[in-house]
Amino acid sequence: MANVTDLQTKYSKLAQEYSKLRAQNQVLKKAVVDEQANSATLKEQLKQRDQSLRRQEQEMDSLSFRNQQLAKRVELLQEELTASETKGKKGKQSKADSPSQHGLQTQSVFNEDLQKKIEENERLHIQFYEADEQHRKKEAELKARLEELEKGAEQHQTAVDGLAKKYVETIERLQGDKARLEVKAESLEREAKECRVRTEECQQQLRRCQSELHRQMKQSSSVIQEKVPFNDTKFSDYNSLNVPAHNRRHQLKARDVASQALSFIQDLVAALLNFHSYTEQRIHIYPLDSSIEPISPLNQKFSQYLHENAVYVRPLEDSFVQLYQSITEDTVTALETVVKLRDFAVNFSSYAHFLLKILPYQLKSLEEECEAPLCTAALTAKNQELQSDVKKVTSVFEKLQNYINLLALPCVRQDAMPQTSISAVFTQLAACLHSLHDSVKEMSKHYNQKASLEQELPTITQKLCTTTECLLGSLCSLTSSTGKIATFFSNNLDFFTSSGYSPRGSAVTLNPLQAESMLANKKRAAAYMQALKRPRAPSVPYREALSNRRILTSSTESREGLTQQVQQSLEKIARLEQEKEHWLLEAQLGKVRLEKENQRIAELEAQLAAALGGSPDSQRAAAGAPPPNHEDAETEQHAAGQQTTQSTSLVGMLCTTPAVEDVGDEESREQLIKSHYMSRVGELTTQLQISDSKAVHFHSECRALAKRLTIAEKARETLSEEIKVANQKISHLQDELTTTKRSYEDQLSMMSDHLCSMNETLSKQREEIDTLKLGSKVNTKKNKGR
């Protein structure tokens, strides 16, 4: 979880930096566009200035040409004047009056014309000076403007260099973080493998210990049930009669605490239902109104999930009502006997999974609100704070789910947790409830601030205001209910951690069998108290009780001797059984021999009758003759020659050729075969019992392994899904990084091209300005020379 939170914080930081860089990029784009517009206006101004300069140059050329013409005209007039003066001096005096008058008139005309030309020349000089001054001012302004543009270009270049450097640093830092995370993931995988190996070893040891303990328990229980007619009070753990007394005060306190908890749970369920319902209504209103335009597919899915919130929230109240109804004055309330707590834990786990399922949709919905066109920076900050608050609330509900599942374990397995661990779980649960209250309080505060900021938006509607107020009311009720639950749990923590029922003289927790015995003892006590009111039967005399006690003590002292006698008697019974089988086989062999002897005697009698001729007297004599004894039969058998005999028994069939020395061998061989097969049968029975026990053990072990396999498969599926999601996030971030890198590279290339074009235009303008300066200097020198 820590790795996931670190990755999420790093991803959020990256997203913030990316948003900052995107904002800076927008500013740079705007600045570049402004500079392009300024450069275009400057180009237009330069074109206009060039046109005006050309017009002025044309005017200057025309004026200089006119001035030259006038100067030539003046020179011609002066020459004519001098010529006329010389001619006038040489002329006659008589004709002096009329020509001199004519010359004076022409001179006065020339003087007036010259005066006009001089005034016009002065005016043209003044206009040229003024135009030169204006040109110098414009040139100075353009130089200052050019310096400002160069400074701005340098600043933009430094900003672009800084952004590129920062981008490279972020890439390097991300690569380093990725390498560290990969190394950390590898180390965690190695630790996980080692932990799996250790857990497998521990589980194997646990299975061996459990099998050994199970075997010992079976052996001890069989001995106790068959041989021991009483219970030893020395070992309280193995004494089923050492049952605690029924604590009515504890039951009343448990009933009161359960009723208070039920009221708080009902308030919490109502607040959660209102919160989810109003959140669904808000999704359909903001940022897009579903009545005007369709909302996004993500919000539609989120709304669908929120619409199912009652399926997960209502069972919390129902299961706790059943838990409260199961706690009465006549029951035994402990973690080992409260079976309904398991149902509440299951329902709480399903609600925690529901919160995990809707968490990414909540975060994406808040991101869509941030991407709205009218979303300000303050609203974006509040949405980010709400995202962190939602994550905290979901994580706290996950912790509560784990603690409640731990508390529900003793009702499933009696050896799940000792009393110290249960106390620690209750303490951690109280702290977790306080953290839930704090996180819900923070979320309510941030929602209030967000609502106040949304009130300032121009597009806010009355429908959204009403839904937001209802949502804030549900958050206030949720905050108050969580606070009440936290204080209630802290106040009753001593009652929760105390063991209300425990066997006398033992720290072992209560089990369901002891609870049943306790209730049975309570009923007996009630029946006994009722029986006290009725006439009682005579009690046992004291001497008889003492004699019974002596008998019990003597039997207790001789228990080991009795167990030894039982073992000896069992061994003796086994030997007697074997001997019984042996003698049964011997009896069957004797019967077979007797039948064969009778057949042989009948055959000998028939042969004897045939040998005597078959007369009736001889037959009667033969019939009246006494039967031969066993020794005569054996001698006749030996004399008749070797004949094959066949003996059958339970072991099998044996064919022998009887002889004098073979009778003992046959019996010894039969005895050996019988003993061999009896030992073989005993070995096979022991092997069969061992194989049965092994089969039972392997069957239980296979069931446990199958359960572990299913749990491991589920864990593997969840981990694979988490890995897929992480890989998708990483690929998405890499794509974003590549896109931002490409966009920045394109922008840098565009900026560099633009700067190159600007430098070229500035160099051209400088050259044109220098040429204009040189042309103006040349013109001024010419005018001064004139």
Foldseek 3Di string as FASTA:
>chain_A
DVVVVVVVVVVVVVVVVVVVVVVVVVVLVVVVVVVVVVVVVVVVVVVVVVVVLVVVVVVLVVVVVVVVVVVVVVVVVVVVLVVVVVVLVPDDPVCNPVVVVVSVVVVVVVVVVVVVVVVVVVVVVVVLVVVVVVLVVVVVVVVVVVVVSVVVLVVSVVVLVVVVVVLVVVVVVVVVVVVVVVVVVVVVVVVVVVVVVVVVVVVVVVLVVVLVVVVVVVVVVVCCVPQNPDDDVPDVVPGLVLFWAQDLVLLVVVLVLLVVVLVLLVLLLVLVLLLLVLVLVLLCCPPHPCVVPNDDPLNVVLSVLSVCLCVLSVQLSVLSVVLSVVRDSLADDDLQASQSLQSNLVSLVVNLVSLVVNLVSLLVSLVVNCVDPQRDPVLNVLSVVLNVLSVQLSVLSVLLSVLSVLSNVCNVPVPSDALVVQLVSLVVNLVSLVSNLVSLVSNLVSLVVSLVVVVPGPPDDPSSNVSSVSSSVSSVSNSVSSVVVSVSSVVCSVSSSDQPTDGPPDRRHDHVSSRVVNSVVVVVVVVVVVCVVPDDDDDDDPVVVVVVVVVSVVCVVCSVVVVVVVVVVVVVVVVVVLVVLVVVQVVLQVVLVVVVLVVLQVVVLVVVCVVVPVDPVVNVVSVPDDGDDPVVSVVVCVVVPWDWDWTAGPLGIDIDTDDPVCPVVVVVVVVVSSVVVVVVVVVVVVVVVVVVSVVVSVVVVVVVVVVVVVVVVVVVVVVVVVVVVVVVVVVVVVVVSVVVVVVSVVVVVVSVVVVVVVVVVVVVVVVVSVVSVVVSVVSVVVVVVD
